[in-house]
Amino acid sequence: LYDSFSKASSGEAQFEVHKKYYKLTEHAM
């Protein structure tokens, strides 16, 4: 996730990574 976020070339692309962060953390919780 860190790698994908740092390589994202726009705010839109980083927000798509952020959606994956939601899924990852919510499932663990």
PDB file of all heavy atoms in Angstrom:
ATOM      1  N   LEU A   1       0.839  -1.201   0.000  1.00  0.00           N
ATOM      2  CA  LEU A   1       0.000   0.000   0.000  1.00  0.00           C
ATOM      3  C   LEU A   1       0.873   1.249   0.000  1.00  0.00           C
ATOM      4  O   LEU A   1       0.631   2.196  -0.766  1.00  0.00           O
ATOM      5  CB  LEU A   1      -0.893  -0.024   1.244  1.00  0.00           C
ATOM      6  CG  LEU A   1      -2.104   0.903   1.276  1.00  0.00           C
ATOM      7  CD1 LEU A   1      -3.211   0.372   0.353  1.00  0.00           C
ATOM      8  CD2 LEU A   1      -2.651   1.006   2.698  1.00  0.00           C
ATOM      9  N   TYR A   2       1.900   1.257   0.843  1.00  0.00           N
ATOM     10  CA  TYR A   2       2.818   2.393   0.884  1.00  0.00           C
ATOM     11  C   TYR A   2       3.453   2.611  -0.493  1.00  0.00           C
ATOM     12  O   TYR A   2       3.555   3.745  -0.976  1.00  0.00           O
ATOM     13  CB  TYR A   2       3.946   2.161   1.894  1.00  0.00           C
ATOM     14  CG  TYR A   2       3.530   1.882   3.316  1.00  0.00           C
ATOM     15  CD1 TYR A   2       4.315   1.048   4.133  1.00  0.00           C
ATOM     16  CD2 TYR A   2       2.387   2.439   3.878  1.00  0.00           C
ATOM     17  CE1 TYR A   2       3.963   0.783   5.441  1.00  0.00           C
ATOM     18  CE2 TYR A   2       2.024   2.168   5.195  1.00  0.00           C
ATOM     19  CZ  TYR A   2       2.813   1.337   5.961  1.00  0.00           C
ATOM     20  OH  TYR A   2       2.464   1.072   7.263  1.00  0.00           O
ATOM     21  N   ASP A   3       3.860   1.518  -1.108  1.00  0.00           N
ATOM     22  CA  ASP A   3       4.537   1.594  -2.404  1.00  0.00           C
ATOM     23  C   ASP A   3       3.595   2.156  -3.472  1.00  0.00           C
ATOM     24  O   ASP A   3       3.973   3.053  -4.242  1.00  0.00           O
ATOM     25  CB  ASP A   3       5.031   0.203  -2.803  1.00  0.00           C
ATOM     26  CG  ASP A   3       5.949   0.247  -4.016  1.00  0.00           C
ATOM     27  OD1 ASP A   3       6.921   1.029  -3.995  1.00  0.00           O
ATOM     28  OD2 ASP A   3       5.684  -0.491  -4.981  1.00  0.00           O
ATOM     29  N   SER A   4       2.363   1.636  -3.498  1.00  0.00           N
ATOM     30  CA  SER A   4       1.379   2.101  -4.491  1.00  0.00           C
ATOM     31  C   SER A   4       1.061   3.577  -4.292  1.00  0.00           C
ATOM     32  O   SER A   4       0.930   4.339  -5.256  1.00  0.00           O
ATOM     33  CB  SER A   4       0.091   1.276  -4.388  1.00  0.00           C
ATOM     34  OG  SER A   4       0.330  -0.071  -4.689  1.00  0.00           O
ATOM     35  N   PHE A   5       0.941   3.991  -3.027  1.00  0.00           N
ATOM     36  CA  PHE A   5       0.593   5.379  -2.743  1.00  0.00           C
ATOM     37  C   PHE A   5       1.716   6.316  -3.196  1.00  0.00           C
ATOM     38  O   PHE A   5       1.458   7.367  -3.806  1.00  0.00           O
ATOM     39  CB  PHE A   5       0.327   5.559  -1.244  1.00  0.00           C
ATOM     40  CG  PHE A   5      -0.286   6.880  -0.890  1.00  0.00           C
ATOM     41  CD1 PHE A   5      -1.661   7.055  -0.887  1.00  0.00           C
ATOM     42  CD2 PHE A   5       0.508   7.974  -0.550  1.00  0.00           C
ATOM     43  CE1 PHE A   5      -2.236   8.279  -0.564  1.00  0.00           C
ATOM     44  CE2 PHE A   5      -0.047   9.192  -0.226  1.00  0.00           C
ATOM     45  CZ  PHE A   5      -1.424   9.356  -0.232  1.00  0.00           C
ATOM     46  N   SER A   6       2.961   5.935  -2.879  1.00  0.00           N
ATOM     47  CA  SER A   6       4.079   6.815  -3.219  1.00  0.00           C
ATOM     48  C   SER A   6       4.295   6.914  -4.727  1.00  0.00           C
ATOM     49  O   SER A   6       4.795   7.924  -5.225  1.00  0.00           O
ATOM     50  CB  SER A   6       5.354   6.323  -2.540  1.00  0.00           C
ATOM     51  OG  SER A   6       5.700   5.040  -3.002  1.00  0.00           O
ATOM     52  N   LYS A   7       3.893   5.874  -5.466  1.00  0.00           N
ATOM     53  CA  LYS A   7       4.089   5.876  -6.915  1.00  0.00           C
ATOM     54  C   LYS A   7       2.921   6.510  -7.676  1.00  0.00           C
ATOM     55  O   LYS A   7       3.039   6.788  -8.879  1.00  0.00           O
ATOM     56  CB  LYS A   7       4.289   4.442  -7.418  1.00  0.00           C
ATOM     57  CG  LYS A   7       5.633   3.851  -7.025  1.00  0.00           C
ATOM     58  CD  LYS A   7       5.764   2.415  -7.516  1.00  0.00           C
ATOM     59  CE  LYS A   7       7.113   1.838  -7.133  1.00  0.00           C
ATOM     60  NZ  LYS A   7       7.248   0.418  -7.535  1.00  0.00           N
ATOM     61  N   ALA A   8       1.797   6.734  -6.986  1.00  0.00           N
ATOM     62  CA  ALA A   8       0.623   7.316  -7.650  1.00  0.00           C
ATOM     63  C   ALA A   8       0.956   8.720  -8.144  1.00  0.00           C
ATOM     64  O   ALA A   8       1.556   9.526  -7.423  1.00  0.00           O
ATOM     65  CB  ALA A   8      -0.555   7.354  -6.680  1.00  0.00           C
ATOM     66  N   SER A   9       0.541   9.008  -9.386  1.00  0.00           N
ATOM     67  CA  SER A   9       0.967  10.254 -10.038  1.00  0.00           C
ATOM     68  C   SER A   9      -0.101  11.349 -10.044  1.00  0.00           C
ATOM     69  O   SER A   9       0.053  12.350 -10.733  1.00  0.00           O
ATOM     70  CB  SER A   9       1.382   9.951 -11.487  1.00  0.00           C
ATOM     71  OG  SER A   9       0.304   9.353 -12.187  1.00  0.00           O
ATOM     72  N   SER A  10      -1.159  11.163  -9.268  1.00  0.00           N
ATOM     73  CA  SER A  10      -2.196  12.196  -9.194  1.00  0.00           C
ATOM     74  C   SER A  10      -2.990  12.002  -7.909  1.00  0.00           C
ATOM     75  O   SER A  10      -2.934  10.935  -7.277  1.00  0.00           O
ATOM     76  CB  SER A  10      -3.141  12.094 -10.391  1.00  0.00           C
ATOM     77  OG  SER A  10      -3.904  10.888 -10.327  1.00  0.00           O
ATOM     78  N   GLY A  11      -3.749  13.030  -7.557  1.00  0.00           N
ATOM     79  CA  GLY A  11      -4.613  12.925  -6.394  1.00  0.00           C
ATOM     80  C   GLY A  11      -5.667  11.850  -6.576  1.00  0.00           C
ATOM     81  O   GLY A  11      -5.986  11.110  -5.643  1.00  0.00           O
ATOM     82  N   GLU A  12      -6.196  11.736  -7.829  1.00  0.00           N
ATOM     83  CA  GLU A  12      -7.203  10.716  -8.124  1.00  0.00           C
ATOM     84  C   GLU A  12      -6.627   9.323  -7.897  1.00  0.00           C
ATOM     85  O   GLU A  12      -7.278   8.446  -7.309  1.00  0.00           O
ATOM     86  CB  GLU A  12      -7.701  10.840  -9.563  1.00  0.00           C
ATOM     87  CG  GLU A  12      -8.496  12.101  -9.842  1.00  0.00           C
ATOM     88  CD  GLU A  12      -7.621  13.267 -10.319  1.00  0.00           C
ATOM     89  OE1 GLU A  12      -6.401  13.269  -9.994  1.00  0.00           O
ATOM     90  OE2 GLU A  12      -8.153  14.164 -10.984  1.00  0.00           O
ATOM     91  N   ALA A  13      -5.389   9.106  -8.362  1.00  0.00           N
ATOM     92  CA  ALA A  13      -4.760   7.797  -8.208  1.00  0.00           C
ATOM     93  C   ALA A  13      -4.490   7.485  -6.737  1.00  0.00           C
ATOM     94  O   ALA A  13      -4.680   6.349  -6.282  1.00  0.00           O
ATOM     95  CB  ALA A  13      -3.455   7.757  -9.001  1.00  0.00           C
ATOM     96  N   GLN A  14      -4.073   8.495  -5.969  1.00  0.00           N
ATOM     97  CA  GLN A  14      -3.841   8.255  -4.543  1.00  0.00           C
ATOM     98  C   GLN A  14      -5.148   7.959  -3.806  1.00  0.00           C
ATOM     99  O   GLN A  14      -5.177   7.139  -2.886  1.00  0.00           O
ATOM    100  CB  GLN A  14      -3.132   9.462  -3.914  1.00  0.00           C
ATOM    101  CG  GLN A  14      -1.654   9.550  -4.286  1.00  0.00           C
ATOM    102  CD  GLN A  14      -0.893  10.583  -3.474  1.00  0.00           C
ATOM    103  OE1 GLN A  14      -1.476  11.505  -2.904  1.00  0.00           O
ATOM    104  NE2 GLN A  14       0.428  10.444  -3.428  1.00  0.00           N
ATOM    105  N   PHE A  15      -6.227   8.581  -4.256  1.00  0.00           N
ATOM    106  CA  PHE A  15      -7.512   8.307  -3.612  1.00  0.00           C
ATOM    107  C   PHE A  15      -7.967   6.875  -3.883  1.00  0.00           C
ATOM    108  O   PHE A  15      -8.610   6.248  -3.034  1.00  0.00           O
ATOM    109  CB  PHE A  15      -8.573   9.311  -4.066  1.00  0.00           C
ATOM    110  CG  PHE A  15      -9.860   9.208  -3.281  1.00  0.00           C
ATOM    111  CD1 PHE A  15      -9.882   9.513  -1.929  1.00  0.00           C
ATOM    112  CD2 PHE A  15     -11.042   8.788  -3.878  1.00  0.00           C
ATOM    113  CE1 PHE A  15     -11.055   9.409  -1.188  1.00  0.00           C
ATOM    114  CE2 PHE A  15     -12.216   8.687  -3.155  1.00  0.00           C
ATOM    115  CZ  PHE A  15     -12.221   8.995  -1.801  1.00  0.00           C
ATOM    116  N   GLU A  16      -7.649   6.341  -5.063  1.00  0.00           N
ATOM    117  CA  GLU A  16      -7.967   4.939  -5.359  1.00  0.00           C
ATOM    118  C   GLU A  16      -7.190   4.015  -4.422  1.00  0.00           C
ATOM    119  O   GLU A  16      -7.718   2.994  -3.960  1.00  0.00           O
ATOM    120  CB  GLU A  16      -7.658   4.620  -6.817  1.00  0.00           C
ATOM    121  CG  GLU A  16      -8.615   5.255  -7.815  1.00  0.00           C
ATOM    122  CD  GLU A  16     -10.079   4.911  -7.549  1.00  0.00           C
ATOM    123  OE1 GLU A  16     -10.371   3.699  -7.396  1.00  0.00           O
ATOM    124  OE2 GLU A  16     -10.915   5.834  -7.480  1.00  0.00           O
ATOM    125  N   VAL A  17      -5.933   4.355  -4.140  1.00  0.00           N
ATOM    126  CA  VAL A  17      -5.153   3.583  -3.166  1.00  0.00           C
ATOM    127  C   VAL A  17      -5.798   3.692  -1.782  1.00  0.00           C
ATOM    128  O   VAL A  17      -5.862   2.715  -1.028  1.00  0.00           O
ATOM    129  CB  VAL A  17      -3.682   4.074  -3.110  1.00  0.00           C
ATOM    130  CG1 VAL A  17      -2.894   3.334  -2.026  1.00  0.00           C
ATOM    131  CG2 VAL A  17      -3.011   3.895  -4.466  1.00  0.00           C
ATOM    132  N   HIS A  18      -6.303   4.877  -1.477  1.00  0.00           N
ATOM    133  CA  HIS A  18      -6.944   5.110  -0.175  1.00  0.00           C
ATOM    134  C   HIS A  18      -8.155   4.199   0.004  1.00  0.00           C
ATOM    135  O   HIS A  18      -8.422   3.726   1.118  1.00  0.00           O
ATOM    136  CB  HIS A  18      -7.347   6.582  -0.068  1.00  0.00           C
ATOM    137  CG  HIS A  18      -7.736   7.003   1.319  1.00  0.00           C
ATOM    138  ND1 HIS A  18      -6.890   6.890   2.397  1.00  0.00           N
ATOM    139  CD2 HIS A  18      -8.895   7.539   1.803  1.00  0.00           C
ATOM    140  CE1 HIS A  18      -7.501   7.332   3.487  1.00  0.00           C
ATOM    141  NE2 HIS A  18      -8.721   7.729   3.144  1.00  0.00           N
ATOM    142  N   LYS A  19      -8.864   3.925  -1.060  1.00  0.00           N
ATOM    143  CA  LYS A  19     -10.007   3.013  -0.974  1.00  0.00           C
ATOM    144  C   LYS A  19      -9.545   1.607  -0.589  1.00  0.00           C
ATOM    145  O   LYS A  19     -10.230   0.894   0.152  1.00  0.00           O
ATOM    146  CB  LYS A  19     -10.758   2.978  -2.306  1.00  0.00           C
ATOM    147  CG  LYS A  19     -11.517   4.263  -2.634  1.00  0.00           C
ATOM    148  CD  LYS A  19     -12.197   4.143  -4.000  1.00  0.00           C
ATOM    149  CE  LYS A  19     -12.912   5.434  -4.378  1.00  0.00           C
ATOM    150  NZ  LYS A  19     -13.520   5.346  -5.728  1.00  0.00           N
ATOM    151  N   LYS A  20      -8.370   1.202  -1.086  1.00  0.00           N
ATOM    152  CA  LYS A  20      -7.817  -0.105  -0.718  1.00  0.00           C
ATOM    153  C   LYS A  20      -7.421  -0.122   0.760  1.00  0.00           C
ATOM    154  O   LYS A  20      -7.543  -1.150   1.449  1.00  0.00           O
ATOM    155  CB  LYS A  20      -6.610  -0.430  -1.600  1.00  0.00           C
ATOM    156  CG  LYS A  20      -6.972  -0.631  -3.076  1.00  0.00           C
ATOM    157  CD  LYS A  20      -5.720  -0.885  -3.906  1.00  0.00           C
ATOM    158  CE  LYS A  20      -6.087  -1.013  -5.395  1.00  0.00           C
ATOM    159  NZ  LYS A  20      -4.883  -1.188  -6.233  1.00  0.00           N
ATOM    160  N   TYR A  21      -6.963   1.019   1.237  1.00  0.00           N
ATOM    161  CA  TYR A  21      -6.634   1.152   2.662  1.00  0.00           C
ATOM    162  C   TYR A  21      -7.880   0.930   3.511  1.00  0.00           C
ATOM    163  O   TYR A  21      -7.825   0.249   4.544  1.00  0.00           O
ATOM    164  CB  TYR A  21      -6.044   2.538   2.916  1.00  0.00           C
ATOM    165  CG  TYR A  21      -6.053   2.998   4.355  1.00  0.00           C
ATOM    166  CD1 TYR A  21      -5.108   2.534   5.265  1.00  0.00           C
ATOM    167  CD2 TYR A  21      -7.018   3.902   4.810  1.00  0.00           C
ATOM    168  CE1 TYR A  21      -5.115   2.947   6.591  1.00  0.00           C
ATOM    169  CE2 TYR A  21      -7.036   4.336   6.120  1.00  0.00           C
ATOM    170  CZ  TYR A  21      -6.085   3.859   7.002  1.00  0.00           C
ATOM    171  OH  TYR A  21      -6.093   4.278   8.317  1.00  0.00           O
ATOM    172  N   TYR A  22      -9.009   1.493   3.073  1.00  0.00           N
ATOM    173  CA  TYR A  22     -10.272   1.277   3.787  1.00  0.00           C
ATOM    174  C   TYR A  22     -10.536  -0.219   3.951  1.00  0.00           C
ATOM    175  O   TYR A  22     -10.811  -0.713   5.046  1.00  0.00           O
ATOM    176  CB  TYR A  22     -11.447   1.867   3.008  1.00  0.00           C
ATOM    177  CG  TYR A  22     -11.601   3.372   3.034  1.00  0.00           C
ATOM    178  CD1 TYR A  22     -12.250   4.016   1.976  1.00  0.00           C
ATOM    179  CD2 TYR A  22     -11.158   4.142   4.092  1.00  0.00           C
ATOM    180  CE1 TYR A  22     -12.432   5.385   1.972  1.00  0.00           C
ATOM    181  CE2 TYR A  22     -11.341   5.521   4.099  1.00  0.00           C
ATOM    182  CZ  TYR A  22     -11.972   6.139   3.031  1.00  0.00           C
ATOM    183  OH  TYR A  22     -12.160   7.499   3.034  1.00  0.00           O
ATOM    184  N   LYS A  23     -10.464  -0.959   2.827  1.00  0.00           N
ATOM    185  CA  LYS A  23     -10.794  -2.392   2.846  1.00  0.00           C
ATOM    186  C   LYS A  23      -9.842  -3.165   3.748  1.00  0.00           C
ATOM    187  O   LYS A  23     -10.266  -4.040   4.525  1.00  0.00           O
ATOM    188  CB  LYS A  23     -10.757  -2.957   1.426  1.00  0.00           C
ATOM    189  CG  LYS A  23     -11.893  -2.469   0.529  1.00  0.00           C
ATOM    190  CD  LYS A  23     -11.818  -3.099  -0.851  1.00  0.00           C
ATOM    191  CE  LYS A  23     -12.952  -2.589  -1.740  1.00  0.00           C
ATOM    192  NZ  LYS A  23     -12.881  -3.151  -3.108  1.00  0.00           N
ATOM    193  N   LEU A  24      -8.580  -2.834   3.669  1.00  0.00           N
ATOM    194  CA  LEU A  24      -7.563  -3.533   4.450  1.00  0.00           C
ATOM    195  C   LEU A  24      -7.783  -3.344   5.951  1.00  0.00           C
ATOM    196  O   LEU A  24      -7.803  -4.308   6.720  1.00  0.00           O
ATOM    197  CB  LEU A  24      -6.185  -3.016   4.038  1.00  0.00           C
ATOM    198  CG  LEU A  24      -4.949  -3.802   4.481  1.00  0.00           C
ATOM    199  CD1 LEU A  24      -4.972  -5.202   3.895  1.00  0.00           C
ATOM    200  CD2 LEU A  24      -3.684  -3.055   4.039  1.00  0.00           C
ATOM    201  N   THR A  25      -7.949  -2.115   6.360  1.00  0.00           N
ATOM    202  CA  THR A  25      -8.093  -1.828   7.791  1.00  0.00           C
ATOM    203  C   THR A  25      -9.448  -2.292   8.323  1.00  0.00           C
ATOM    204  O   THR A  25      -9.536  -2.810   9.435  1.00  0.00           O
ATOM    205  CB  THR A  25      -7.917  -0.324   8.076  1.00  0.00           C
ATOM    206  OG1 THR A  25      -8.807   0.423   7.248  1.00  0.00           O
ATOM    207  CG2 THR A  25      -6.488   0.111   7.806  1.00  0.00           C
ATOM    208  N   GLU A  26     -10.494  -2.127   7.524  1.00  0.00           N
ATOM    209  CA  GLU A  26     -11.827  -2.496   8.009  1.00  0.00           C
ATOM    210  C   GLU A  26     -11.953  -4.005   8.184  1.00  0.00           C
ATOM    211  O   GLU A  26     -12.594  -4.481   9.119  1.00  0.00           O
ATOM    212  CB  GLU A  26     -12.903  -1.952   7.075  1.00  0.00           C
ATOM    213  CG  GLU A  26     -13.028  -0.435   7.168  1.00  0.00           C
ATOM    214  CD  GLU A  26     -14.201   0.122   6.396  1.00  0.00           C
ATOM    215  OE1 GLU A  26     -14.799  -0.622   5.586  1.00  0.00           O
ATOM    216  OE2 GLU A  26     -14.524   1.309   6.599  1.00  0.00           O
ATOM    217  N   HIS A  27     -11.333  -4.778   7.291  1.00  0.00           N
ATOM    218  CA  HIS A  27     -11.408  -6.225   7.461  1.00  0.00           C
ATOM    219  C   HIS A  27     -10.641  -6.653   8.709  1.00  0.00           C
ATOM    220  O   HIS A  27     -11.126  -7.492   9.481  1.00  0.00           O
ATOM    221  CB  HIS A  27     -10.843  -6.950   6.231  1.00  0.00           C
ATOM    222  CG  HIS A  27     -10.890  -8.435   6.368  1.00  0.00           C
ATOM    223  ND1 HIS A  27     -12.078  -9.140   6.449  1.00  0.00           N
ATOM    224  CD2 HIS A  27      -9.892  -9.358   6.512  1.00  0.00           C
ATOM    225  CE1 HIS A  27     -11.823 -10.425   6.604  1.00  0.00           C
ATOM    226  NE2 HIS A  27     -10.503 -10.581   6.653  1.00  0.00           N
ATOM    227  N   ALA A  28      -9.459  -6.097   8.910  1.00  0.00           N
ATOM    228  CA  ALA A  28      -8.688  -6.439  10.109  1.00  0.00           C
ATOM    229  C   ALA A  28      -9.465  -6.071  11.372  1.00  0.00           C
ATOM    230  O   ALA A  28      -9.538  -6.862  12.331  1.00  0.00           O
ATOM    231  CB  ALA A  28      -7.339  -5.723  10.092  1.00  0.00           C
ATOM    232  N   MET A  29     -10.079  -4.883  11.381  1.00  0.00           N
ATOM    233  CA  MET A  29     -10.832  -4.447  12.560  1.00  0.00           C
ATOM    234  C   MET A  29     -12.051  -5.333  12.799  1.00  0.00           C
ATOM    235  O   MET A  29     -12.442  -5.562  13.954  1.00  0.00           O
ATOM    236  CB  MET A  29     -11.263  -2.988  12.419  1.00  0.00           C
ATOM    237  CG  MET A  29     -10.177  -1.983  12.741  1.00  0.00           C
ATOM    238  SD  MET A  29      -9.362  -2.270  14.345  1.00  0.00           S
ATOM    239  CE  MET A  29     -10.745  -2.267  15.484  1.00  0.00           C
TER     240      MET A  29
END
